[in-house]
Amino acid sequence: MEKVVLTVYSADNCVYCDRLKQDLKNVGLEYIEINLDMNPGIKEKIVAAGHRSVPILYKDQTHIATGYANSLAYVKTWQS
């Protein structure tokens, strides 16, 4: 399996963020989590990039998906 670097942008009390993180673990994908509520400077950059909801999934600094359903579709491509 190719080594990927995933980043999940999340927020406090985000059920869909929690579900995505669990889904990533279930298929064996590692990720870095950045909580936007704890990182206001990063949140400003994410909003300036046009994102308005979480979770947001990036792979190697490339935007993959916004929202749980779109992110889940990506995760499913990694299931055996």
C-alpha atoms as a PDB file:
ATOM      1  CA  MET A   1       0.000   0.000   0.000  1.00  0.00           C
ATOM      2  CA  GLU A   2       1.349   3.416  -0.902  1.00  0.00           C
ATOM      3  CA  LYS A   3       2.251   5.716   1.982  1.00  0.00           C
ATOM      4  CA  VAL A   4      -0.093   8.675   2.033  1.00  0.00           C
ATOM      5  CA  VAL A   5      -0.143  11.686   4.277  1.00  0.00           C
ATOM      6  CA  LEU A   6      -3.713  12.635   5.087  1.00  0.00           C
ATOM      7  CA  THR A   7      -4.808  15.701   7.004  1.00  0.00           C
ATOM      8  CA  VAL A   8      -8.255  15.945   8.560  1.00  0.00           C
ATOM      9  CA  TYR A   9      -9.423  19.428   9.433  1.00  0.00           C
ATOM     10  CA  SER A  10     -11.997  19.071  12.185  1.00  0.00           C
ATOM     11  CA  ALA A  11     -13.883  21.073  14.796  1.00  0.00           C
ATOM     12  CA  ASP A  12     -15.046  20.568  18.357  1.00  0.00           C
ATOM     13  CA  ASN A  13     -18.280  18.615  18.773  1.00  0.00           C
ATOM     14  CA  CYS A  14     -18.267  17.481  15.140  1.00  0.00           C
ATOM     15  CA  VAL A  15     -19.826  14.031  14.962  1.00  0.00           C
ATOM     16  CA  TYR A  16     -18.975  13.668  11.287  1.00  0.00           C
ATOM     17  CA  CYS A  17     -15.336  14.516  12.009  1.00  0.00           C
ATOM     18  CA  ASP A  18     -15.248  11.776  14.640  1.00  0.00           C
ATOM     19  CA  ARG A  19     -16.845   9.302  12.234  1.00  0.00           C
ATOM     20  CA  LEU A  20     -14.360  10.116   9.472  1.00  0.00           C
ATOM     21  CA  LYS A  21     -11.394   9.671  11.811  1.00  0.00           C
ATOM     22  CA  GLN A  22     -12.741   6.275  12.887  1.00  0.00           C
ATOM     23  CA  ASP A  23     -13.330   5.260   9.259  1.00  0.00           C
ATOM     24  CA  LEU A  24      -9.732   6.185   8.403  1.00  0.00           C
ATOM     25  CA  LYS A  25      -8.466   4.080  11.309  1.00  0.00           C
ATOM     26  CA  ASN A  26     -10.677   1.163  10.267  1.00  0.00           C
ATOM     27  CA  VAL A  27      -9.025   0.969   6.833  1.00  0.00           C
ATOM     28  CA  GLY A  28      -5.549   1.511   8.246  1.00  0.00           C
ATOM     29  CA  LEU A  29      -4.946   5.037   6.988  1.00  0.00           C
ATOM     30  CA  GLU A  30      -2.924   7.344   9.189  1.00  0.00           C
ATOM     31  CA  TYR A  31      -3.805  10.985   9.410  1.00  0.00           C
ATOM     32  CA  ILE A  32      -2.877  14.248  11.054  1.00  0.00           C
ATOM     33  CA  GLU A  33      -5.766  16.068  12.689  1.00  0.00           C
ATOM     34  CA  ILE A  34      -5.955  19.834  12.816  1.00  0.00           C
ATOM     35  CA  ASN A  35      -8.787  21.108  14.987  1.00  0.00           C
ATOM     36  CA  LEU A  36      -9.853  24.467  13.572  1.00  0.00           C
ATOM     37  CA  ASP A  37     -11.423  25.564  16.865  1.00  0.00           C
ATOM     38  CA  MET A  38      -8.003  25.254  18.498  1.00  0.00           C
ATOM     39  CA  ASN A  39      -6.119  26.855  15.587  1.00  0.00           C
ATOM     40  CA  PRO A  40      -7.835  30.132  14.639  1.00  0.00           C
ATOM     41  CA  GLY A  41      -5.033  31.193  12.286  1.00  0.00           C
ATOM     42  CA  ILE A  42      -5.382  28.011  10.264  1.00  0.00           C
ATOM     43  CA  LYS A  43      -9.172  28.358  10.378  1.00  0.00           C
ATOM     44  CA  GLU A  44      -8.872  31.794   8.749  1.00  0.00           C
ATOM     45  CA  LYS A  45      -6.797  30.299   5.912  1.00  0.00           C
ATOM     46  CA  ILE A  46      -9.252  27.435   5.416  1.00  0.00           C
ATOM     47  CA  VAL A  47     -12.200  29.844   5.268  1.00  0.00           C
ATOM     48  CA  ALA A  48     -10.269  32.103   2.880  1.00  0.00           C
ATOM     49  CA  ALA A  49      -9.769  29.049   0.646  1.00  0.00           C
ATOM     50  CA  GLY A  50     -13.555  28.756   0.409  1.00  0.00           C
ATOM     51  CA  HIS A  51     -14.240  25.944   2.864  1.00  0.00           C
ATOM     52  CA  ARG A  52     -17.316  26.394   5.015  1.00  0.00           C
ATOM     53  CA  SER A  53     -17.826  23.020   6.711  1.00  0.00           C
ATOM     54  CA  VAL A  54     -15.879  20.164   8.256  1.00  0.00           C
ATOM     55  CA  PRO A  55     -14.518  17.592   8.033  1.00  0.00           C
ATOM     56  CA  ILE A  56     -12.099  18.584   5.294  1.00  0.00           C
ATOM     57  CA  LEU A  57      -9.746  15.955   3.938  1.00  0.00           C
ATOM     58  CA  TYR A  58      -6.395  16.688   2.293  1.00  0.00           C
ATOM     59  CA  LYS A  59      -3.866  14.256   0.828  1.00  0.00           C
ATOM     60  CA  ASP A  60      -0.294  15.515   0.565  1.00  0.00           C
ATOM     61  CA  GLN A  61      -1.535  19.136   0.684  1.00  0.00           C
ATOM     62  CA  THR A  62      -4.108  18.533  -2.063  1.00  0.00           C
ATOM     63  CA  HIS A  63      -7.791  18.978  -1.242  1.00  0.00           C
ATOM     64  CA  ILE A  64      -9.614  15.658  -1.560  1.00  0.00           C
ATOM     65  CA  ALA A  65     -13.052  16.230  -0.061  1.00  0.00           C
ATOM     66  CA  THR A  66     -15.202  18.428   2.141  1.00  0.00           C
ATOM     67  CA  GLY A  67     -17.962  16.943   4.258  1.00  0.00           C
ATOM     68  CA  TYR A  68     -18.394  13.448   5.584  1.00  0.00           C
ATOM     69  CA  ALA A  69     -20.111  11.834   2.589  1.00  0.00           C
ATOM     70  CA  ASN A  70     -17.485  13.014   0.103  1.00  0.00           C
ATOM     71  CA  SER A  71     -14.659  12.070   2.452  1.00  0.00           C
ATOM     72  CA  LEU A  72     -16.183   8.638   3.035  1.00  0.00           C
ATOM     73  CA  ALA A  73     -16.254   8.019  -0.704  1.00  0.00           C
ATOM     74  CA  TYR A  74     -12.477   8.559  -0.737  1.00  0.00           C
ATOM     75  CA  VAL A  75     -11.958   6.263   2.270  1.00  0.00           C
ATOM     76  CA  LYS A  76     -13.937   3.508   0.567  1.00  0.00           C
ATOM     77  CA  THR A  77     -11.436   3.498  -2.303  1.00  0.00           C
ATOM     78  CA  TRP A  78      -8.874   2.171   0.216  1.00  0.00           C
ATOM     79  CA  GLN A  79     -10.982  -0.746   1.466  1.00  0.00           C
ATOM     80  CA  SER A  80      -9.979  -4.205   0.349  1.00  0.00           C
END
